[in-house]
Amino acid sequence: MTELKKTFTIIIADGAYASERPYTMLRFAYTALLEEHKINIFLVEDGVFVGKKNQEPASYDNVGKWMKDVIEEGANVKACGVCMKARGFSQDEFIDGIEKTTMNTLVEMCAEADNVLFS
C-alpha cells in the first residue's frame, strides 16, 4: 500500500537561540523531507533571525546549518517582510533560498497544509 504524503507548514517565531524550538522544528522538517513530505516554513517575529547567514553560535547546534539543509532537501522557506523591517533585517542577510514575503503567503501555506505547527 502506498503511504500518503503530507504537507506541513511550520511557523517559526522564536529567535535562533532564544529557545530550542527553532532547532527542533528544523530537525522535524529535515526528517519529514527525508520521508518525502512537503515542507513550508514561514519565519515570523524574531524567527527571521533563524534564516540569517553566517551564524556561529558558541555553544549551540547551528540552526543556520539546519536551515541550509532543509532548503537543500526542498523546503519552501519564506519570511515576513514586516517582521524583517521592524528588526532592520534585509533580504541579503538571509541564507540563499529564503524569500521575503507577506502574510498572504502564510495564509496560502496554512490553507494548503495538512498540519500547521507553530513554534
PDB file of N, CA and C in Angstrom:
ATOM      1  N   MET A   1       0.837  -1.178   0.000  1.00  0.00           N
ATOM      2  CA  MET A   1       0.000   0.000   0.000  1.00  0.00           C
ATOM      3  C   MET A   1       0.886   1.247   0.000  1.00  0.00           C
ATOM      4  N   THR A   2       0.542   2.224  -0.828  1.00  0.00           N
ATOM      5  CA  THR A   2       1.294   3.462  -0.926  1.00  0.00           C
ATOM      6  C   THR A   2       0.950   4.382   0.239  1.00  0.00           C
ATOM      7  N   GLU A   3       1.989   4.891   0.874  1.00  0.00           N
ATOM      8  CA  GLU A   3       1.791   5.797   2.010  1.00  0.00           C
ATOM      9  C   GLU A   3       1.452   7.197   1.501  1.00  0.00           C
ATOM     10  N   LEU A   4       0.429   7.806   2.061  1.00  0.00           N
ATOM     11  CA  LEU A   4       0.011   9.148   1.678  1.00  0.00           C
ATOM     12  C   LEU A   4       0.963  10.176   2.281  1.00  0.00           C
ATOM     13  N   LYS A   5       1.555  10.997   1.432  1.00  0.00           N
ATOM     14  CA  LYS A   5       2.477  12.035   1.895  1.00  0.00           C
ATOM     15  C   LYS A   5       1.687  13.267   2.312  1.00  0.00           C
ATOM     16  N   LYS A   6       2.186  13.983   3.279  1.00  0.00           N
ATOM     17  CA  LYS A   6       1.510  15.139   3.863  1.00  0.00           C
ATOM     18  C   LYS A   6       2.267  16.430   3.547  1.00  0.00           C
ATOM     19  N   THR A   7       1.557  17.536   3.715  1.00  0.00           N
ATOM     20  CA  THR A   7       2.163  18.862   3.638  1.00  0.00           C
ATOM     21  C   THR A   7       2.110  19.469   5.031  1.00  0.00           C
ATOM     22  N   PHE A   8       3.277  19.881   5.518  1.00  0.00           N
ATOM     23  CA  PHE A   8       3.392  20.524   6.822  1.00  0.00           C
ATOM     24  C   PHE A   8       3.811  21.978   6.619  1.00  0.00           C
ATOM     25  N   THR A   9       3.139  22.885   7.300  1.00  0.00           N
ATOM     26  CA  THR A   9       3.574  24.278   7.346  1.00  0.00           C
ATOM     27  C   THR A   9       4.048  24.553   8.764  1.00  0.00           C
ATOM     28  N   ILE A  10       5.296  25.001   8.856  1.00  0.00           N
ATOM     29  CA  ILE A  10       5.928  25.270  10.147  1.00  0.00           C
ATOM     30  C   ILE A  10       6.148  26.775  10.263  1.00  0.00           C
ATOM     31  N   ILE A  11       5.602  27.356  11.316  1.00  0.00           N
ATOM     32  CA  ILE A  11       5.769  28.783  11.577  1.00  0.00           C
ATOM     33  C   ILE A  11       6.768  28.918  12.725  1.00  0.00           C
ATOM     34  N   ILE A  12       7.896  29.554  12.447  1.00  0.00           N
ATOM     35  CA  ILE A  12       8.934  29.734  13.465  1.00  0.00           C
ATOM     36  C   ILE A  12       8.939  31.197  13.897  1.00  0.00           C
ATOM     37  N   ALA A  13       8.627  31.432  15.175  1.00  0.00           N
ATOM     38  CA  ALA A  13       8.550  32.792  15.715  1.00  0.00           C
ATOM     39  C   ALA A  13       9.655  33.087  16.725  1.00  0.00           C
ATOM     40  N   ASP A  14      10.279  32.056  17.274  1.00  0.00           N
ATOM     41  CA  ASP A  14      11.342  32.260  18.267  1.00  0.00           C
ATOM     42  C   ASP A  14      12.658  32.589  17.574  1.00  0.00           C
ATOM     43  N   GLY A  15      13.474  33.402  18.241  1.00  0.00           N
ATOM     44  CA  GLY A  15      14.798  33.714  17.732  1.00  0.00           C
ATOM     45  C   GLY A  15      15.658  32.464  17.630  1.00  0.00           C
ATOM     46  N   ALA A  16      16.718  32.568  16.869  1.00  0.00           N
ATOM     47  CA  ALA A  16      17.560  31.413  16.561  1.00  0.00           C
ATOM     48  C   ALA A  16      18.039  30.652  17.796  1.00  0.00           C
ATOM     49  N   TYR A  17      18.402  31.366  18.843  1.00  0.00           N
ATOM     50  CA  TYR A  17      18.959  30.699  20.019  1.00  0.00           C
ATOM     51  C   TYR A  17      18.257  31.098  21.313  1.00  0.00           C
ATOM     52  N   ALA A  18      17.072  31.682  21.201  1.00  0.00           N
ATOM     53  CA  ALA A  18      16.287  32.061  22.385  1.00  0.00           C
ATOM     54  C   ALA A  18      15.697  30.839  23.081  1.00  0.00           C
ATOM     55  N   SER A  19      15.471  29.788  22.311  1.00  0.00           N
ATOM     56  CA  SER A  19      14.974  28.515  22.840  1.00  0.00           C
ATOM     57  C   SER A  19      15.407  27.425  21.867  1.00  0.00           C
ATOM     58  N   GLU A  20      15.086  26.190  22.185  1.00  0.00           N
ATOM     59  CA  GLU A  20      15.425  25.088  21.288  1.00  0.00           C
ATOM     60  C   GLU A  20      14.347  24.835  20.245  1.00  0.00           C
ATOM     61  N   ARG A  21      13.252  25.593  20.289  1.00  0.00           N
ATOM     62  CA  ARG A  21      12.142  25.348  19.360  1.00  0.00           C
ATOM     63  C   ARG A  21      12.543  25.446  17.886  1.00  0.00           C
ATOM     64  N   PRO A  22      13.276  26.486  17.460  1.00  0.00           N
ATOM     65  CA  PRO A  22      13.653  26.523  16.041  1.00  0.00           C
ATOM     66  C   PRO A  22      14.480  25.301  15.632  1.00  0.00           C
ATOM     67  N   TYR A  23      15.418  24.921  16.469  1.00  0.00           N
ATOM     68  CA  TYR A  23      16.244  23.741  16.210  1.00  0.00           C
ATOM     69  C   TYR A  23      15.381  22.492  16.086  1.00  0.00           C
ATOM     70  N   THR A  24      14.441  22.317  17.002  1.00  0.00           N
ATOM     71  CA  THR A  24      13.556  21.153  16.972  1.00  0.00           C
ATOM     72  C   THR A  24      12.692  21.160  15.717  1.00  0.00           C
ATOM     73  N   MET A  25      12.156  22.311  15.355  1.00  0.00           N
ATOM     74  CA  MET A  25      11.308  22.400  14.158  1.00  0.00           C
ATOM     75  C   MET A  25      12.101  22.111  12.889  1.00  0.00           C
ATOM     76  N   LEU A  26      13.347  22.562  12.833  1.00  0.00           N
ATOM     77  CA  LEU A  26      14.176  22.284  11.662  1.00  0.00           C
ATOM     78  C   LEU A  26      14.554  20.810  11.587  1.00  0.00           C
ATOM     79  N   ARG A  27      14.790  20.191  12.719  1.00  0.00           N
ATOM     80  CA  ARG A  27      15.049  18.738  12.729  1.00  0.00           C
ATOM     81  C   ARG A  27      13.819  17.982  12.257  1.00  0.00           C
ATOM     82  N   PHE A  28      12.635  18.403  12.728  1.00  0.00           N
ATOM     83  CA  PHE A  28      11.388  17.791  12.281  1.00  0.00           C
ATOM     84  C   PHE A  28      11.244  17.956  10.762  1.00  0.00           C
ATOM     85  N   ALA A  29      11.466  19.174  10.270  1.00  0.00           N
ATOM     86  CA  ALA A  29      11.336  19.454   8.839  1.00  0.00           C
ATOM     87  C   ALA A  29      12.279  18.579   8.021  1.00  0.00           C
ATOM     88  N   TYR A  30      13.521  18.469   8.456  1.00  0.00           N
ATOM     89  CA  TYR A  30      14.510  17.666   7.737  1.00  0.00           C
ATOM     90  C   TYR A  30      14.083  16.200   7.686  1.00  0.00           C
ATOM     91  N   THR A  31      13.629  15.684   8.814  1.00  0.00           N
ATOM     92  CA  THR A  31      13.180  14.289   8.871  1.00  0.00           C
ATOM     93  C   THR A  31      11.981  14.074   7.956  1.00  0.00           C
ATOM     94  N   ALA A  32      11.023  15.000   7.989  1.00  0.00           N
ATOM     95  CA  ALA A  32       9.836  14.887   7.130  1.00  0.00           C
ATOM     96  C   ALA A  32      10.217  14.937   5.651  1.00  0.00           C
ATOM     97  N   LEU A  33      11.157  15.792   5.299  1.00  0.00           N
ATOM     98  CA  LEU A  33      11.611  15.867   3.912  1.00  0.00           C
ATOM     99  C   LEU A  33      12.262  14.562   3.471  1.00  0.00           C
ATOM    100  N   LEU A  34      13.040  13.956   4.344  1.00  0.00           N
ATOM    101  CA  LEU A  34      13.660  12.670   4.012  1.00  0.00           C
ATOM    102  C   LEU A  34      12.607  11.592   3.786  1.00  0.00           C
ATOM    103  N   GLU A  35      11.446  11.755   4.428  1.00  0.00           N
ATOM    104  CA  GLU A  35      10.330  10.824   4.238  1.00  0.00           C
ATOM    105  C   GLU A  35       9.411  11.280   3.095  1.00  0.00           C
ATOM    106  N   GLU A  36       9.875  12.280   2.331  1.00  0.00           N
ATOM    107  CA  GLU A  36       9.213  12.783   1.127  1.00  0.00           C
ATOM    108  C   GLU A  36       7.909  13.537   1.374  1.00  0.00           C
ATOM    109  N   HIS A  37       7.762  14.107   2.562  1.00  0.00           N
ATOM    110  CA  HIS A  37       6.640  15.004   2.818  1.00  0.00           C
ATOM    111  C   HIS A  37       7.023  16.390   2.290  1.00  0.00           C
ATOM    112  N   LYS A  38       6.025  17.233   2.064  1.00  0.00           N
ATOM    113  CA  LYS A  38       6.268  18.611   1.627  1.00  0.00           C
ATOM    114  C   LYS A  38       6.350  19.504   2.860  1.00  0.00           C
ATOM    115  N   ILE A  39       7.339  20.401   2.859  1.00  0.00           N
ATOM    116  CA  ILE A  39       7.541  21.304   3.996  1.00  0.00           C
ATOM    117  C   ILE A  39       7.523  22.759   3.532  1.00  0.00           C
ATOM    118  N   ASN A  40       6.673  23.545   4.185  1.00  0.00           N
ATOM    119  CA  ASN A  40       6.675  25.004   4.072  1.00  0.00           C
ATOM    120  C   ASN A  40       7.138  25.541   5.421  1.00  0.00           C
ATOM    121  N   ILE A  41       8.042  26.512   5.400  1.00  0.00           N
ATOM    122  CA  ILE A  41       8.479  27.165   6.637  1.00  0.00           C
ATOM    123  C   ILE A  41       8.267  28.664   6.471  1.00  0.00           C
ATOM    124  N   PHE A  42       7.648  29.278   7.473  1.00  0.00           N
ATOM    125  CA  PHE A  42       7.432  30.726   7.464  1.00  0.00           C
ATOM    126  C   PHE A  42       8.090  31.300   8.708  1.00  0.00           C
ATOM    127  N   LEU A  43       9.032  32.225   8.504  1.00  0.00           N
ATOM    128  CA  LEU A  43       9.748  32.877   9.600  1.00  0.00           C
ATOM    129  C   LEU A  43       9.036  34.178   9.935  1.00  0.00           C
ATOM    130  N   VAL A  44       8.639  34.314  11.194  1.00  0.00           N
ATOM    131  CA  VAL A  44       7.868  35.463  11.643  1.00  0.00           C
ATOM    132  C   VAL A  44       8.449  35.961  12.970  1.00  0.00           C
ATOM    133  N   GLU A  45       8.199  37.224  13.305  1.00  0.00           N
ATOM    134  CA  GLU A  45       8.700  37.810  14.552  1.00  0.00           C
ATOM    135  C   GLU A  45      10.214  37.600  14.628  1.00  0.00           C
ATOM    136  N   ASP A  46      10.752  37.232  15.802  1.00  0.00           N
ATOM    137  CA  ASP A  46      12.200  37.014  15.928  1.00  0.00           C
ATOM    138  C   ASP A  46      12.678  35.775  15.175  1.00  0.00           C
ATOM    139  N   GLY A  47      11.761  34.979  14.675  1.00  0.00           N
ATOM    140  CA  GLY A  47      12.116  33.813  13.873  1.00  0.00           C
ATOM    141  C   GLY A  47      12.864  34.171  12.599  1.00  0.00           C
ATOM    142  N   VAL A  48      12.772  35.438  12.150  1.00  0.00           N
ATOM    143  CA  VAL A  48      13.522  35.824  10.947  1.00  0.00           C
ATOM    144  C   VAL A  48      15.025  35.614  11.148  1.00  0.00           C
ATOM    145  N   PHE A  49      15.495  35.701  12.390  1.00  0.00           N
ATOM    146  CA  PHE A  49      16.924  35.509  12.658  1.00  0.00           C
ATOM    147  C   PHE A  49      17.380  34.061  12.462  1.00  0.00           C
ATOM    148  N   VAL A  50      16.455  33.132  12.421  1.00  0.00           N
ATOM    149  CA  VAL A  50      16.799  31.728  12.165  1.00  0.00           C
ATOM    150  C   VAL A  50      17.392  31.580  10.764  1.00  0.00           C
ATOM    151  N   GLY A  51      16.980  32.443   9.844  1.00  0.00           N
ATOM    152  CA  GLY A  51      17.461  32.369   8.465  1.00  0.00           C
ATOM    153  C   GLY A  51      18.682  33.211   8.158  1.00  0.00           C
ATOM    154  N   LYS A  52      19.307  33.776   9.175  1.00  0.00           N
ATOM    155  CA  LYS A  52      20.464  34.665   8.973  1.00  0.00           C
ATOM    156  C   LYS A  52      21.697  33.888   8.512  1.00  0.00           C
ATOM    157  N   LYS A  53      22.411  34.456   7.544  1.00  0.00           N
ATOM    158  CA  LYS A  53      23.668  33.876   7.046  1.00  0.00           C
ATOM    159  C   LYS A  53      24.752  33.920   8.121  1.00  0.00           C
ATOM    160  N   ASN A  54      25.738  33.065   7.961  1.00  0.00           N
ATOM    161  CA  ASN A  54      26.993  33.113   8.729  1.00  0.00           C
ATOM    162  C   ASN A  54      26.824  33.054  10.241  1.00  0.00           C
ATOM    163  N   GLN A  55      25.904  32.238  10.705  1.00  0.00           N
ATOM    164  CA  GLN A  55      25.728  32.074  12.150  1.00  0.00           C
ATOM    165  C   GLN A  55      26.891  31.264  12.717  1.00  0.00           C
ATOM    166  N   GLU A  56      27.383  31.677  13.863  1.00  0.00           N
ATOM    167  CA  GLU A  56      28.474  30.977  14.539  1.00  0.00           C
ATOM    168  C   GLU A  56      28.192  30.901  16.033  1.00  0.00           C
ATOM    169  N   PRO A  57      27.206  30.108  16.431  1.00  0.00           N
ATOM    170  CA  PRO A  57      26.888  30.014  17.863  1.00  0.00           C
ATOM    171  C   PRO A  57      28.027  29.349  18.631  1.00  0.00           C
ATOM    172  N   ALA A  58      28.270  29.839  19.826  1.00  0.00           N
ATOM    173  CA  ALA A  58      29.370  29.316  20.639  1.00  0.00           C
ATOM    174  C   ALA A  58      29.062  27.945  21.225  1.00  0.00           C
ATOM    175  N   SER A  59      27.851  27.755  21.722  1.00  0.00           N
ATOM    176  CA  SER A  59      27.593  26.506  22.447  1.00  0.00           C
ATOM    177  C   SER A  59      26.270  25.844  22.069  1.00  0.00           C
ATOM    178  N   TYR A  60      25.758  26.140  20.888  1.00  0.00           N
ATOM    179  CA  TYR A  60      24.510  25.537  20.427  1.00  0.00           C
ATOM    180  C   TYR A  60      24.718  24.925  19.058  1.00  0.00           C
ATOM    181  N   ASP A  61      23.848  23.971  18.714  1.00  0.00           N
ATOM    182  CA  ASP A  61      23.852  23.449  17.356  1.00  0.00           C
ATOM    183  C   ASP A  61      23.465  24.594  16.419  1.00  0.00           C
ATOM    184  N   ASN A  62      24.115  24.696  15.280  1.00  0.00           N
ATOM    185  CA  ASN A  62      23.937  25.816  14.365  1.00  0.00           C
ATOM    186  C   ASN A  62      22.629  25.689  13.582  1.00  0.00           C
ATOM    187  N   VAL A  63      21.627  26.517  13.923  1.00  0.00           N
ATOM    188  CA  VAL A  63      20.346  26.445  13.218  1.00  0.00           C
ATOM    189  C   VAL A  63      20.480  26.934  11.776  1.00  0.00           C
ATOM    190  N   GLY A  64      21.463  27.778  11.498  1.00  0.00           N
ATOM    191  CA  GLY A  64      21.711  28.197  10.121  1.00  0.00           C
ATOM    192  C   GLY A  64      22.087  27.026   9.240  1.00  0.00           C
ATOM    193  N   LYS A  65      22.894  26.121   9.766  1.00  0.00           N
ATOM    194  CA  LYS A  65      23.255  24.911   9.019  1.00  0.00           C
ATOM    195  C   LYS A  65      22.021  24.053   8.773  1.00  0.00           C
ATOM    196  N   TRP A  66      21.181  23.902   9.801  1.00  0.00           N
ATOM    197  CA  TRP A  66      19.948  23.128   9.636  1.00  0.00           C
ATOM    198  C   TRP A  66      19.036  23.775   8.601  1.00  0.00           C
ATOM    199  N   MET A  67      18.969  25.104   8.594  1.00  0.00           N
ATOM    200  CA  MET A  67      18.141  25.799   7.606  1.00  0.00           C
ATOM    201  C   MET A  67      18.656  25.521   6.196  1.00  0.00           C
ATOM    202  N   LYS A  68      19.966  25.609   6.005  1.00  0.00           N
ATOM    203  CA  LYS A  68      20.544  25.287   4.694  1.00  0.00           C
ATOM    204  C   LYS A  68      20.187  23.864   4.286  1.00  0.00           C
ATOM    205  N   ASP A  69      20.278  22.935   5.227  1.00  0.00           N
ATOM    206  CA  ASP A  69      19.978  21.531   4.932  1.00  0.00           C
ATOM    207  C   ASP A  69      18.529  21.336   4.495  1.00  0.00           C
ATOM    208  N   VAL A  70      17.577  21.973   5.184  1.00  0.00           N
ATOM    209  CA  VAL A  70      16.169  21.779   4.798  1.00  0.00           C
ATOM    210  C   VAL A  70      15.887  22.434   3.447  1.00  0.00           C
ATOM    211  N   ILE A  71      16.543  23.544   3.158  1.00  0.00           N
ATOM    212  CA  ILE A  71      16.372  24.172   1.840  1.00  0.00           C
ATOM    213  C   ILE A  71      16.921  23.254   0.756  1.00  0.00           C
ATOM    214  N   GLU A  72      18.099  22.684   1.001  1.00  0.00           N
ATOM    215  CA  GLU A  72      18.691  21.758   0.028  1.00  0.00           C
ATOM    216  C   GLU A  72      17.820  20.530  -0.200  1.00  0.00           C
ATOM    217  N   GLU A  73      17.086  20.109   0.819  1.00  0.00           N
ATOM    218  CA  GLU A  73      16.196  18.944   0.685  1.00  0.00           C
ATOM    219  C   GLU A  73      14.849  19.309   0.059  1.00  0.00           C
ATOM    220  N   GLY A  74      14.618  20.611  -0.192  1.00  0.00           N
ATOM    221  CA  GLY A  74      13.411  21.004  -0.903  1.00  0.00           C
ATOM    222  C   GLY A  74      12.375  21.795  -0.134  1.00  0.00           C
ATOM    223  N   ALA A  75      12.683  22.230   1.077  1.00  0.00           N
ATOM    224  CA  ALA A  75      11.717  23.030   1.837  1.00  0.00           C
ATOM    225  C   ALA A  75      11.480  24.375   1.150  1.00  0.00           C
ATOM    226  N   ASN A  76      10.253  24.834   1.237  1.00  0.00           N
ATOM    227  CA  ASN A  76       9.837  26.144   0.739  1.00  0.00           C
ATOM    228  C   ASN A  76       9.888  27.094   1.937  1.00  0.00           C
ATOM    229  N   VAL A  77      10.839  28.035   1.937  1.00  0.00           N
ATOM    230  CA  VAL A  77      11.050  28.887   3.113  1.00  0.00           C
ATOM    231  C   VAL A  77      10.802  30.354   2.757  1.00  0.00           C
ATOM    232  N   LYS A  78       9.943  30.976   3.540  1.00  0.00           N
ATOM    233  CA  LYS A  78       9.581  32.382   3.354  1.00  0.00           C
ATOM    234  C   LYS A  78       9.749  33.115   4.680  1.00  0.00           C
ATOM    235  N   ALA A  79       9.841  34.447   4.598  1.00  0.00           N
ATOM    236  CA  ALA A  79       9.976  35.268   5.804  1.00  0.00           C
ATOM    237  C   ALA A  79       9.059  36.481   5.709  1.00  0.00           C
ATOM    238  N   CYS A  80       8.536  36.878   6.840  1.00  0.00           N
ATOM    239  CA  CYS A  80       7.631  38.022   6.946  1.00  0.00           C
ATOM    240  C   CYS A  80       8.397  39.329   6.717  1.00  0.00           C
ATOM    241  N   GLY A  81       8.020  40.057   5.675  1.00  0.00           N
ATOM    242  CA  GLY A  81       8.675  41.316   5.357  1.00  0.00           C
ATOM    243  C   GLY A  81       8.491  42.382   6.427  1.00  0.00           C
ATOM    244  N   VAL A  82       7.313  42.455   7.023  1.00  0.00           N
ATOM    245  CA  VAL A  82       7.061  43.431   8.091  1.00  0.00           C
ATOM    246  C   VAL A  82       7.951  43.133   9.295  1.00  0.00           C
ATOM    247  N   CYS A  83       8.092  41.861   9.634  1.00  0.00           N
ATOM    248  CA  CYS A  83       8.941  41.457  10.762  1.00  0.00           C
ATOM    249  C   CYS A  83      10.404  41.777  10.478  1.00  0.00           C
ATOM    250  N   MET A  84      10.818  41.567   9.230  1.00  0.00           N
ATOM    251  CA  MET A  84      12.183  41.899   8.838  1.00  0.00           C
ATOM    252  C   MET A  84      12.437  43.398   8.994  1.00  0.00           C
ATOM    253  N   LYS A  85      11.521  44.197   8.478  1.00  0.00           N
ATOM    254  CA  LYS A  85      11.676  45.653   8.533  1.00  0.00           C
ATOM    255  C   LYS A  85      11.748  46.145   9.977  1.00  0.00           C
ATOM    256  N   ALA A  86      10.900  45.610  10.833  1.00  0.00           N
ATOM    257  CA  ALA A  86      10.872  46.026  12.238  1.00  0.00           C
ATOM    258  C   ALA A  86      12.194  45.737  12.943  1.00  0.00           C
ATOM    259  N   ARG A  87      12.930  44.749  12.447  1.00  0.00           N
ATOM    260  CA  ARG A  87      14.191  44.336  13.073  1.00  0.00           C
ATOM    261  C   ARG A  87      15.417  44.821  12.301  1.00  0.00           C
ATOM    262  N   GLY A  88      15.208  45.643  11.274  1.00  0.00           N
ATOM    263  CA  GLY A  88      16.322  46.157  10.488  1.00  0.00           C
ATOM    264  C   GLY A  88      17.034  45.080   9.696  1.00  0.00           C
ATOM    265  N   PHE A  89      16.289  44.081   9.269  1.00  0.00           N
ATOM    266  CA  PHE A  89      16.838  42.888   8.625  1.00  0.00           C
ATOM    267  C   PHE A  89      16.593  42.979   7.124  1.00  0.00           C
ATOM    268  N   SER A  90      17.601  42.778   6.295  1.00  0.00           N
ATOM    269  CA  SER A  90      17.441  42.877   4.844  1.00  0.00           C
ATOM    270  C   SER A  90      17.548  41.510   4.165  1.00  0.00           C
ATOM    271  N   GLN A  91      17.015  41.425   2.951  1.00  0.00           N
ATOM    272  CA  GLN A  91      16.998  40.178   2.184  1.00  0.00           C
ATOM    273  C   GLN A  91      18.399  39.597   2.011  1.00  0.00           C
ATOM    274  N   ASP A  92      19.400  40.455   1.790  1.00  0.00           N
ATOM    275  CA  ASP A  92      20.754  39.949   1.545  1.00  0.00           C
ATOM    276  C   ASP A  92      21.414  39.339   2.783  1.00  0.00           C
ATOM    277  N   GLU A  93      20.780  39.474   3.940  1.00  0.00           N
ATOM    278  CA  GLU A  93      21.299  38.838   5.155  1.00  0.00           C
ATOM    279  C   GLU A  93      20.824  37.391   5.297  1.00  0.00           C
ATOM    280  N   PHE A  94      19.897  36.974   4.432  1.00  0.00           N
ATOM    281  CA  PHE A  94      19.337  35.626   4.517  1.00  0.00           C
ATOM    282  C   PHE A  94      20.209  34.583   3.836  1.00  0.00           C
ATOM    283  N   ILE A  95      20.116  33.388   4.335  1.00  0.00           N
ATOM    284  CA  ILE A  95      20.657  32.213   3.667  1.00  0.00           C
ATOM    285  C   ILE A  95      19.967  32.121   2.307  1.00  0.00           C
ATOM    286  N   ASP A  96      20.709  31.737   1.270  1.00  0.00           N
ATOM    287  CA  ASP A  96      20.120  31.584  -0.062  1.00  0.00           C
ATOM    288  C   ASP A  96      18.945  30.614  -0.017  1.00  0.00           C
ATOM    289  N   GLY A  97      17.866  30.995  -0.696  1.00  0.00           N
ATOM    290  CA  GLY A  97      16.685  30.143  -0.753  1.00  0.00           C
ATOM    291  C   GLY A  97      15.542  30.618   0.121  1.00  0.00           C
ATOM    292  N   ILE A  98      15.768  31.667   0.920  1.00  0.00           N
ATOM    293  CA  ILE A  98      14.706  32.235   1.760  1.00  0.00           C
ATOM    294  C   ILE A  98      14.218  33.513   1.094  1.00  0.00           C
ATOM    295  N   GLU A  99      12.913  33.630   0.967  1.00  0.00           N
ATOM    296  CA  GLU A  99      12.320  34.769   0.269  1.00  0.00           C
ATOM    297  C   GLU A  99      11.461  35.616   1.198  1.00  0.00           C
ATOM    298  N   LYS A 100      11.649  36.920   1.120  1.00  0.00           N
ATOM    299  CA  LYS A 100      10.808  37.886   1.841  1.00  0.00           C
ATOM    300  C   LYS A 100       9.418  37.882   1.208  1.00  0.00           C
ATOM    301  N   THR A 101       8.382  37.895   2.054  1.00  0.00           N
ATOM    302  CA  THR A 101       7.020  37.866   1.532  1.00  0.00           C
ATOM    303  C   THR A 101       6.058  38.504   2.532  1.00  0.00           C
ATOM    304  N   THR A 102       4.772  38.232   2.362  1.00  0.00           N
ATOM    305  CA  THR A 102       3.727  38.853   3.189  1.00  0.00           C
ATOM    306  C   THR A 102       2.902  37.787   3.908  1.00  0.00           C
ATOM    307  N   MET A 103       2.015  38.248   4.759  1.00  0.00           N
ATOM    308  CA  MET A 103       1.108  37.349   5.470  1.00  0.00           C
ATOM    309  C   MET A 103       0.178  36.599   4.515  1.00  0.00           C
ATOM    310  N   ASN A 104      -0.065  37.165   3.334  1.00  0.00           N
ATOM    311  CA  ASN A 104      -0.890  36.458   2.351  1.00  0.00           C
ATOM    312  C   ASN A 104      -0.281  35.098   2.020  1.00  0.00           C
ATOM    313  N   THR A 105       1.044  35.060   1.926  1.00  0.00           N
ATOM    314  CA  THR A 105       1.733  33.801   1.652  1.00  0.00           C
ATOM    315  C   THR A 105       1.554  32.824   2.803  1.00  0.00           C
ATOM    316  N   LEU A 106       1.619  33.325   4.025  1.00  0.00           N
ATOM    317  CA  LEU A 106       1.406  32.444   5.177  1.00  0.00           C
ATOM    318  C   LEU A 106       0.001  31.855   5.149  1.00  0.00           C
ATOM    319  N   VAL A 107      -0.987  32.663   4.820  1.00  0.00           N
ATOM    320  CA  VAL A 107      -2.359  32.154   4.723  1.00  0.00           C
ATOM    321  C   VAL A 107      -2.429  31.040   3.676  1.00  0.00           C
ATOM    322  N   GLU A 108      -1.804  31.240   2.523  1.00  0.00           N
ATOM    323  CA  GLU A 108      -1.788  30.215   1.473  1.00  0.00           C
ATOM    324  C   GLU A 108      -1.099  28.941   1.960  1.00  0.00           C
ATOM    325  N   MET A 109       0.036  29.104   2.641  1.00  0.00           N
ATOM    326  CA  MET A 109       0.765  27.943   3.158  1.00  0.00           C
ATOM    327  C   MET A 109      -0.094  27.148   4.140  1.00  0.00           C
ATOM    328  N   CYS A 110      -0.782  27.859   5.017  1.00  0.00           N
ATOM    329  CA  CYS A 110      -1.628  27.188   6.013  1.00  0.00           C
ATOM    330  C   CYS A 110      -2.835  26.528   5.356  1.00  0.00           C
ATOM    331  N   ALA A 111      -3.404  27.182   4.352  1.00  0.00           N
ATOM    332  CA  ALA A 111      -4.580  26.634   3.674  1.00  0.00           C
ATOM    333  C   ALA A 111      -4.254  25.333   2.948  1.00  0.00           C
ATOM    334  N   GLU A 112      -3.049  25.218   2.402  1.00  0.00           N
ATOM    335  CA  GLU A 112      -2.688  24.011   1.663  1.00  0.00           C
ATOM    336  C   GLU A 112      -2.163  22.883   2.567  1.00  0.00           C
ATOM    337  N   ALA A 113      -1.855  23.212   3.807  1.00  0.00           N
ATOM    338  CA  ALA A 113      -1.212  22.241   4.702  1.00  0.00           C
ATOM    339  C   ALA A 113      -2.197  21.237   5.283  1.00  0.00           C
ATOM    340  N   ASP A 114      -1.697  20.025   5.471  1.00  0.00           N
ATOM    341  CA  ASP A 114      -2.441  19.022   6.233  1.00  0.00           C
ATOM    342  C   ASP A 114      -2.283  19.288   7.726  1.00  0.00           C
ATOM    343  N   ASN A 115      -1.129  19.835   8.100  1.00  0.00           N
ATOM    344  CA  ASN A 115      -0.833  20.153   9.504  1.00  0.00           C
ATOM    345  C   ASN A 115      -0.038  21.451   9.568  1.00  0.00           C
ATOM    346  N   VAL A 116      -0.359  22.282  10.561  1.00  0.00           N
ATOM    347  CA  VAL A 116       0.375  23.521  10.798  1.00  0.00           C
ATOM    348  C   VAL A 116       0.977  23.437  12.194  1.00  0.00           C
ATOM    349  N   LEU A 117       2.282  23.714  12.276  1.00  0.00           N
ATOM    350  CA  LEU A 117       2.981  23.710  13.560  1.00  0.00           C
ATOM    351  C   LEU A 117       3.497  25.111  13.822  1.00  0.00           C
ATOM    352  N   PHE A 118       3.264  25.623  15.026  1.00  0.00           N
ATOM    353  CA  PHE A 118       3.706  26.968  15.398  1.00  0.00           C
ATOM    354  C   PHE A 118       4.689  26.850  16.552  1.00  0.00           C
ATOM    355  N   SER A 119       5.864  27.444  16.353  1.00  0.00           N
ATOM    356  CA  SER A 119       6.845  27.382  17.446  1.00  0.00           C
ATOM    357  C   SER A 119       7.408  28.748  17.719  1.00  0.00           C
TER     358      SER A 119
END
